Amino acid sequence: SVEESVRHLPFMGGEIPAELNRLKGSMRRLA
């Protein structure tokens, strides 16, 4: 849900920033 919400922000143009993807990957590896 968070990822989808960020993706649809008007200034994002449907893309997820590389920084957010890296943060998501880092949090994923913690688990």
PDB file of all heavy atoms in Angstrom:
ATOM      1  N   SER A   1       0.826  -1.204   0.000  1.00  0.00           N
ATOM      2  CA  SER A   1       0.000   0.000   0.000  1.00  0.00           C
ATOM      3  C   SER A   1       0.861   1.256   0.000  1.00  0.00           C
ATOM      4  O   SER A   1       0.614   2.205  -0.746  1.00  0.00           O
ATOM      5  CB  SER A   1      -0.924  -0.007   1.223  1.00  0.00           C
ATOM      6  OG  SER A   1      -1.677   1.170   1.271  1.00  0.00           O
ATOM      7  N   VAL A   2       1.905   1.282   0.846  1.00  0.00           N
ATOM      8  CA  VAL A   2       2.792   2.443   0.900  1.00  0.00           C
ATOM      9  C   VAL A   2       3.481   2.641  -0.437  1.00  0.00           C
ATOM     10  O   VAL A   2       3.560   3.754  -0.971  1.00  0.00           O
ATOM     11  CB  VAL A   2       3.827   2.267   2.040  1.00  0.00           C
ATOM     12  CG1 VAL A   2       4.893   3.342   1.946  1.00  0.00           C
ATOM     13  CG2 VAL A   2       3.133   2.312   3.396  1.00  0.00           C
ATOM     14  N   GLU A   3       3.979   1.533  -1.012  1.00  0.00           N
ATOM     15  CA  GLU A   3       4.674   1.630  -2.289  1.00  0.00           C
ATOM     16  C   GLU A   3       3.732   2.162  -3.365  1.00  0.00           C
ATOM     17  O   GLU A   3       4.096   3.021  -4.164  1.00  0.00           O
ATOM     18  CB  GLU A   3       5.209   0.251  -2.701  1.00  0.00           C
ATOM     19  CG  GLU A   3       5.955   0.267  -4.032  1.00  0.00           C
ATOM     20  CD  GLU A   3       6.541  -1.078  -4.383  1.00  0.00           C
ATOM     21  OE1 GLU A   3       6.851  -1.842  -3.448  1.00  0.00           O
ATOM     22  OE2 GLU A   3       6.686  -1.365  -5.590  1.00  0.00           O
ATOM     23  N   GLU A   4       2.500   1.645  -3.362  1.00  0.00           N
ATOM     24  CA  GLU A   4       1.555   2.061  -4.395  1.00  0.00           C
ATOM     25  C   GLU A   4       1.175   3.530  -4.218  1.00  0.00           C
ATOM     26  O   GLU A   4       1.018   4.275  -5.191  1.00  0.00           O
ATOM     27  CB  GLU A   4       0.303   1.172  -4.329  1.00  0.00           C
ATOM     28  CG  GLU A   4      -0.591   1.251  -5.550  1.00  0.00           C
ATOM     29  CD  GLU A   4       0.084   0.688  -6.795  1.00  0.00           C
ATOM     30  OE1 GLU A   4       1.108  -0.016  -6.669  1.00  0.00           O
ATOM     31  OE2 GLU A   4      -0.403   0.974  -7.900  1.00  0.00           O
ATOM     32  N   SER A   5       1.047   3.967  -2.947  1.00  0.00           N
ATOM     33  CA  SER A   5       0.695   5.368  -2.692  1.00  0.00           C
ATOM     34  C   SER A   5       1.785   6.309  -3.187  1.00  0.00           C
ATOM     35  O   SER A   5       1.516   7.335  -3.814  1.00  0.00           O
ATOM     36  CB  SER A   5       0.475   5.582  -1.186  1.00  0.00           C
ATOM     37  OG  SER A   5      -0.603   4.783  -0.735  1.00  0.00           O
ATOM     38  N   VAL A   6       3.042   5.967  -2.906  1.00  0.00           N
ATOM     39  CA  VAL A   6       4.150   6.801  -3.363  1.00  0.00           C
ATOM     40  C   VAL A   6       4.196   6.834  -4.882  1.00  0.00           C
ATOM     41  O   VAL A   6       4.409   7.878  -5.500  1.00  0.00           O
ATOM     42  CB  VAL A   6       5.485   6.271  -2.777  1.00  0.00           C
ATOM     43  CG1 VAL A   6       6.667   7.007  -3.401  1.00  0.00           C
ATOM     44  CG2 VAL A   6       5.497   6.427  -1.267  1.00  0.00           C
ATOM     45  N   ARG A   7       3.965   5.686  -5.493  1.00  0.00           N
ATOM     46  CA  ARG A   7       4.039   5.584  -6.951  1.00  0.00           C
ATOM     47  C   ARG A   7       3.047   6.533  -7.625  1.00  0.00           C
ATOM     48  O   ARG A   7       3.313   7.061  -8.706  1.00  0.00           O
ATOM     49  CB  ARG A   7       3.766   4.134  -7.372  1.00  0.00           C
ATOM     50  CG  ARG A   7       3.994   3.882  -8.868  1.00  0.00           C
ATOM     51  CD  ARG A   7       3.524   2.486  -9.257  1.00  0.00           C
ATOM     52  NE  ARG A   7       4.192   1.452  -8.492  1.00  0.00           N
ATOM     53  CZ  ARG A   7       5.385   0.950  -8.807  1.00  0.00           C
ATOM     54  NH1 ARG A   7       6.031   1.404  -9.867  1.00  0.00           N
ATOM     55  NH2 ARG A   7       5.923   0.017  -8.058  1.00  0.00           N
ATOM     56  N   HIS A   8       1.882   6.769  -6.980  1.00  0.00           N
ATOM     57  CA  HIS A   8       0.839   7.571  -7.612  1.00  0.00           C
ATOM     58  C   HIS A   8       0.832   9.038  -7.187  1.00  0.00           C
ATOM     59  O   HIS A   8      -0.091   9.782  -7.516  1.00  0.00           O
ATOM     60  CB  HIS A   8      -0.535   6.946  -7.329  1.00  0.00           C
ATOM     61  CG  HIS A   8      -0.780   5.702  -8.139  1.00  0.00           C
ATOM     62  ND1 HIS A   8      -0.467   4.441  -7.670  1.00  0.00           N
ATOM     63  CD2 HIS A   8      -1.275   5.540  -9.395  1.00  0.00           C
ATOM     64  CE1 HIS A   8      -0.777   3.541  -8.588  1.00  0.00           C
ATOM     65  NE2 HIS A   8      -1.264   4.191  -9.648  1.00  0.00           N
ATOM     66  N   LEU A   9       1.868   9.423  -6.410  1.00  0.00           N
ATOM     67  CA  LEU A   9       1.973  10.853  -6.117  1.00  0.00           C
ATOM     68  C   LEU A   9       2.190  11.602  -7.429  1.00  0.00           C
ATOM     69  O   LEU A   9       2.943  11.149  -8.300  1.00  0.00           O
ATOM     70  CB  LEU A   9       3.141  11.114  -5.153  1.00  0.00           C
ATOM     71  CG  LEU A   9       2.914  10.672  -3.696  1.00  0.00           C
ATOM     72  CD1 LEU A   9       4.202  10.829  -2.894  1.00  0.00           C
ATOM     73  CD2 LEU A   9       1.780  11.479  -3.055  1.00  0.00           C
ATOM     74  N   PRO A  10       1.553  12.806  -7.597  1.00  0.00           N
ATOM     75  CA  PRO A  10       1.607  13.522  -8.886  1.00  0.00           C
ATOM     76  C   PRO A  10       3.020  13.797  -9.375  1.00  0.00           C
ATOM     77  O   PRO A  10       3.312  13.686 -10.557  1.00  0.00           O
ATOM     78  CB  PRO A  10       0.848  14.822  -8.590  1.00  0.00           C
ATOM     79  CG  PRO A  10      -0.052  14.488  -7.451  1.00  0.00           C
ATOM     80  CD  PRO A  10       0.690  13.501  -6.614  1.00  0.00           C
ATOM     81  N   PHE A  11       3.928  14.120  -8.455  1.00  0.00           N
ATOM     82  CA  PHE A  11       5.271  14.499  -8.891  1.00  0.00           C
ATOM     83  C   PHE A  11       6.190  13.292  -9.077  1.00  0.00           C
ATOM     84  O   PHE A  11       7.346  13.441  -9.425  1.00  0.00           O
ATOM     85  CB  PHE A  11       5.908  15.474  -7.889  1.00  0.00           C
ATOM     86  CG  PHE A  11       5.860  14.986  -6.454  1.00  0.00           C
ATOM     87  CD1 PHE A  11       6.847  14.144  -5.967  1.00  0.00           C
ATOM     88  CD2 PHE A  11       4.822  15.381  -5.608  1.00  0.00           C
ATOM     89  CE1 PHE A  11       6.804  13.704  -4.660  1.00  0.00           C
ATOM     90  CE2 PHE A  11       4.781  14.938  -4.298  1.00  0.00           C
ATOM     91  CZ  PHE A  11       5.767  14.098  -3.814  1.00  0.00           C
ATOM     92  N   MET A  12       5.673  12.063  -8.828  1.00  0.00           N
ATOM     93  CA  MET A  12       6.508  10.870  -8.985  1.00  0.00           C
ATOM     94  C   MET A  12       6.446  10.306 -10.399  1.00  0.00           C
ATOM     95  O   MET A  12       7.312   9.533 -10.808  1.00  0.00           O
ATOM     96  CB  MET A  12       6.079   9.771  -7.987  1.00  0.00           C
ATOM     97  CG  MET A  12       6.519  10.070  -6.563  1.00  0.00           C
ATOM     98  SD  MET A  12       8.322  10.153  -6.441  1.00  0.00           S
ATOM     99  CE  MET A  12       8.506  10.561  -4.708  1.00  0.00           C
ATOM    100  N   GLY A  13       5.415  10.627 -11.122  1.00  0.00           N
ATOM    101  CA  GLY A  13       5.314  10.136 -12.498  1.00  0.00           C
ATOM    102  C   GLY A  13       5.199   8.628 -12.596  1.00  0.00           C
ATOM    103  O   GLY A  13       5.603   8.029 -13.586  1.00  0.00           O
ATOM    104  N   GLY A  14       4.669   7.988 -11.550  1.00  0.00           N
ATOM    105  CA  GLY A  14       4.484   6.543 -11.589  1.00  0.00           C
ATOM    106  C   GLY A  14       5.725   5.738 -11.269  1.00  0.00           C
ATOM    107  O   GLY A  14       5.714   4.506 -11.349  1.00  0.00           O
ATOM    108  N   GLU A  15       6.839   6.411 -10.918  1.00  0.00           N
ATOM    109  CA  GLU A  15       8.082   5.700 -10.647  1.00  0.00           C
ATOM    110  C   GLU A  15       8.429   5.761  -9.160  1.00  0.00           C
ATOM    111  O   GLU A  15       8.096   6.724  -8.471  1.00  0.00           O
ATOM    112  CB  GLU A  15       9.225   6.314 -11.459  1.00  0.00           C
ATOM    113  CG  GLU A  15       9.045   6.225 -12.975  1.00  0.00           C
ATOM    114  CD  GLU A  15       9.065   4.793 -13.459  1.00  0.00           C
ATOM    115  OE1 GLU A  15       9.754   3.970 -12.827  1.00  0.00           O
ATOM    116  OE2 GLU A  15       8.373   4.496 -14.455  1.00  0.00           O
ATOM    117  N   ILE A  16       9.113   4.721  -8.691  1.00  0.00           N
ATOM    118  CA  ILE A  16       9.606   4.691  -7.318  1.00  0.00           C
ATOM    119  C   ILE A  16      11.056   5.178  -7.320  1.00  0.00           C
ATOM    120  O   ILE A  16      11.882   4.664  -8.076  1.00  0.00           O
ATOM    121  CB  ILE A  16       9.544   3.261  -6.733  1.00  0.00           C
ATOM    122  CG1 ILE A  16       8.096   2.786  -6.672  1.00  0.00           C
ATOM    123  CG2 ILE A  16      10.187   3.192  -5.366  1.00  0.00           C
ATOM    124  CD1 ILE A  16       7.242   3.541  -5.689  1.00  0.00           C
ATOM    125  N   PRO A  17      11.398   6.187  -6.500  1.00  0.00           N
ATOM    126  CA  PRO A  17      12.771   6.667  -6.467  1.00  0.00           C
ATOM    127  C   PRO A  17      13.749   5.553  -6.085  1.00  0.00           C
ATOM    128  O   PRO A  17      13.404   4.667  -5.299  1.00  0.00           O
ATOM    129  CB  PRO A  17      12.753   7.754  -5.389  1.00  0.00           C
ATOM    130  CG  PRO A  17      11.319   8.138  -5.251  1.00  0.00           C
ATOM    131  CD  PRO A  17      10.516   6.931  -5.562  1.00  0.00           C
ATOM    132  N   ALA A  18      14.943   5.613  -6.637  1.00  0.00           N
ATOM    133  CA  ALA A  18      15.956   4.602  -6.332  1.00  0.00           C
ATOM    134  C   ALA A  18      16.259   4.558  -4.841  1.00  0.00           C
ATOM    135  O   ALA A  18      16.491   3.493  -4.265  1.00  0.00           O
ATOM    136  CB  ALA A  18      17.232   4.890  -7.121  1.00  0.00           C
ATOM    137  N   GLU A  19      16.234   5.730  -4.197  1.00  0.00           N
ATOM    138  CA  GLU A  19      16.524   5.781  -2.760  1.00  0.00           C
ATOM    139  C   GLU A  19      15.497   4.989  -1.974  1.00  0.00           C
ATOM    140  O   GLU A  19      15.820   4.278  -1.012  1.00  0.00           O
ATOM    141  CB  GLU A  19      16.545   7.237  -2.272  1.00  0.00           C
ATOM    142  CG  GLU A  19      17.682   8.079  -2.840  1.00  0.00           C
ATOM    143  CD  GLU A  19      17.389   8.578  -4.252  1.00  0.00           C
ATOM    144  OE1 GLU A  19      16.287   8.297  -4.768  1.00  0.00           O
ATOM    145  OE2 GLU A  19      18.272   9.224  -4.845  1.00  0.00           O
ATOM    146  N   LEU A  20      14.203   5.110  -2.384  1.00  0.00           N
ATOM    147  CA  LEU A  20      13.145   4.389  -1.671  1.00  0.00           C
ATOM    148  C   LEU A  20      13.278   2.883  -1.894  1.00  0.00           C
ATOM    149  O   LEU A  20      13.062   2.084  -0.981  1.00  0.00           O
ATOM    150  CB  LEU A  20      11.769   4.881  -2.132  1.00  0.00           C
ATOM    151  CG  LEU A  20      10.559   4.292  -1.372  1.00  0.00           C
ATOM    152  CD1 LEU A  20      10.689   4.562   0.119  1.00  0.00           C
ATOM    153  CD2 LEU A  20       9.262   4.877  -1.903  1.00  0.00           C
ATOM    154  N   ASN A  21      13.629   2.511  -3.098  1.00  0.00           N
ATOM    155  CA  ASN A  21      13.835   1.082  -3.374  1.00  0.00           C
ATOM    156  C   ASN A  21      14.968   0.521  -2.532  1.00  0.00           C
ATOM    157  O   ASN A  21      14.891  -0.591  -2.012  1.00  0.00           O
ATOM    158  CB  ASN A  21      14.140   0.861  -4.865  1.00  0.00           C
ATOM    159  CG  ASN A  21      12.889   0.511  -5.656  1.00  0.00           C
ATOM    160  OD1 ASN A  21      11.987  -0.128  -5.128  1.00  0.00           O
ATOM    161  ND2 ASN A  21      12.839   0.952  -6.902  1.00  0.00           N
ATOM    162  N   ARG A  22      16.065   1.320  -2.398  1.00  0.00           N
ATOM    163  CA  ARG A  22      17.186   0.852  -1.586  1.00  0.00           C
ATOM    164  C   ARG A  22      16.784   0.742  -0.124  1.00  0.00           C
ATOM    165  O   ARG A  22      17.171  -0.197   0.562  1.00  0.00           O
ATOM    166  CB  ARG A  22      18.383   1.798  -1.746  1.00  0.00           C
ATOM    167  CG  ARG A  22      19.108   1.637  -3.094  1.00  0.00           C
ATOM    168  CD  ARG A  22      20.467   2.317  -3.067  1.00  0.00           C
ATOM    169  NE  ARG A  22      20.359   3.767  -2.976  1.00  0.00           N
ATOM    170  CZ  ARG A  22      20.266   4.577  -4.022  1.00  0.00           C
ATOM    171  NH1 ARG A  22      20.270   4.074  -5.251  1.00  0.00           N
ATOM    172  NH2 ARG A  22      20.178   5.880  -3.871  1.00  0.00           N
ATOM    173  N   LEU A  23      16.001   1.702   0.376  1.00  0.00           N
ATOM    174  CA  LEU A  23      15.530   1.655   1.757  1.00  0.00           C
ATOM    175  C   LEU A  23      14.640   0.439   1.969  1.00  0.00           C
ATOM    176  O   LEU A  23      14.752  -0.271   2.973  1.00  0.00           O
ATOM    177  CB  LEU A  23      14.758   2.942   2.094  1.00  0.00           C
ATOM    178  CG  LEU A  23      14.131   2.986   3.498  1.00  0.00           C
ATOM    179  CD1 LEU A  23      15.215   2.865   4.567  1.00  0.00           C
ATOM    180  CD2 LEU A  23      13.328   4.279   3.674  1.00  0.00           C
ATOM    181  N   LYS A  24      13.756   0.200   0.993  1.00  0.00           N
ATOM    182  CA  LYS A  24      12.869  -0.954   1.084  1.00  0.00           C
ATOM    183  C   LYS A  24      13.693  -2.247   1.146  1.00  0.00           C
ATOM    184  O   LYS A  24      13.421  -3.143   1.948  1.00  0.00           O
ATOM    185  CB  LYS A  24      11.938  -0.981  -0.130  1.00  0.00           C
ATOM    186  CG  LYS A  24      11.009  -2.184  -0.182  1.00  0.00           C
ATOM    187  CD  LYS A  24      10.212  -2.152  -1.480  1.00  0.00           C
ATOM    188  CE  LYS A  24       9.437  -3.445  -1.658  1.00  0.00           C
ATOM    189  NZ  LYS A  24       8.754  -3.509  -2.947  1.00  0.00           N
ATOM    190  N   GLY A  25      14.740  -2.346   0.305  1.00  0.00           N
ATOM    191  CA  GLY A  25      15.586  -3.538   0.297  1.00  0.00           C
ATOM    192  C   GLY A  25      16.325  -3.708   1.605  1.00  0.00           C
ATOM    193  O   GLY A  25      16.452  -4.821   2.126  1.00  0.00           O
ATOM    194  N   SER A  26      16.802  -2.594   2.175  1.00  0.00           N
ATOM    195  CA  SER A  26      17.526  -2.672   3.447  1.00  0.00           C
ATOM    196  C   SER A  26      16.619  -3.148   4.569  1.00  0.00           C
ATOM    197  O   SER A  26      17.009  -3.993   5.386  1.00  0.00           O
ATOM    198  CB  SER A  26      18.116  -1.303   3.795  1.00  0.00           C
ATOM    199  OG  SER A  26      19.031  -0.893   2.802  1.00  0.00           O
ATOM    200  N   MET A  27      15.392  -2.629   4.613  1.00  0.00           N
ATOM    201  CA  MET A  27      14.451  -3.048   5.652  1.00  0.00           C
ATOM    202  C   MET A  27      14.059  -4.509   5.462  1.00  0.00           C
ATOM    203  O   MET A  27      13.884  -5.249   6.429  1.00  0.00           O
ATOM    204  CB  MET A  27      13.211  -2.152   5.626  1.00  0.00           C
ATOM    205  CG  MET A  27      13.507  -0.701   5.970  1.00  0.00           C
ATOM    206  SD  MET A  27      12.024   0.322   6.005  1.00  0.00           S
ATOM    207  CE  MET A  27      11.199  -0.351   7.424  1.00  0.00           C
ATOM    208  N   ARG A  28      13.954  -4.920   4.193  1.00  0.00           N
ATOM    209  CA  ARG A  28      13.588  -6.307   3.899  1.00  0.00           C
ATOM    210  C   ARG A  28      14.661  -7.261   4.443  1.00  0.00           C
ATOM    211  O   ARG A  28      14.353  -8.296   5.027  1.00  0.00           O
ATOM    212  CB  ARG A  28      13.436  -6.460   2.389  1.00  0.00           C
ATOM    213  CG  ARG A  28      12.941  -7.814   1.907  1.00  0.00           C
ATOM    214  CD  ARG A  28      12.938  -7.829   0.373  1.00  0.00           C
ATOM    215  NE  ARG A  28      12.367  -9.036  -0.143  1.00  0.00           N
ATOM    216  CZ  ARG A  28      11.088  -9.187  -0.476  1.00  0.00           C
ATOM    217  NH1 ARG A  28      10.251  -8.176  -0.332  1.00  0.00           N
ATOM    218  NH2 ARG A  28      10.636 -10.337  -0.956  1.00  0.00           N
ATOM    219  N   ARG A  29      15.939  -6.883   4.275  1.00  0.00           N
ATOM    220  CA  ARG A  29      17.018  -7.767   4.707  1.00  0.00           C
ATOM    221  C   ARG A  29      17.119  -7.848   6.224  1.00  0.00           C
ATOM    222  O   ARG A  29      17.650  -8.821   6.751  1.00  0.00           O
ATOM    223  CB  ARG A  29      18.341  -7.309   4.105  1.00  0.00           C
ATOM    224  CG  ARG A  29      18.468  -7.644   2.620  1.00  0.00           C
ATOM    225  CD  ARG A  29      19.864  -7.353   2.104  1.00  0.00           C
ATOM    226  NE  ARG A  29      20.132  -5.932   1.997  1.00  0.00           N
ATOM    227  CZ  ARG A  29      19.812  -5.198   0.932  1.00  0.00           C
ATOM    228  NH1 ARG A  29      19.198  -5.741  -0.097  1.00  0.00           N
ATOM    229  NH2 ARG A  29      20.078  -3.912   0.896  1.00  0.00           N
ATOM    230  N   LEU A  30      16.597  -6.839   6.915  1.00  0.00           N
ATOM    231  CA  LEU A  30      16.602  -6.900   8.374  1.00  0.00           C
ATOM    232  C   LEU A  30      15.727  -8.026   8.888  1.00  0.00           C
ATOM    233  O   LEU A  30      15.935  -8.538   9.984  1.00  0.00           O
ATOM    234  CB  LEU A  30      16.119  -5.568   8.964  1.00  0.00           C
ATOM    235  CG  LEU A  30      17.089  -4.386   8.869  1.00  0.00           C
ATOM    236  CD1 LEU A  30      16.400  -3.123   9.376  1.00  0.00           C
ATOM    237  CD2 LEU A  30      18.359  -4.672   9.666  1.00  0.00           C
ATOM    238  N   ALA A  31      14.736  -8.417   8.092  1.00  0.00           N
ATOM    239  CA  ALA A  31      13.763  -9.406   8.540  1.00  0.00           C
ATOM    240  C   ALA A  31      14.168 -10.829   8.193  1.00  0.00           C
ATOM    241  O   ALA A  31      13.423 -11.752   8.454  1.00  0.00           O
ATOM    242  CB  ALA A  31      12.400  -9.107   7.920  1.00  0.00           C
TER     243      ALA A  31
END
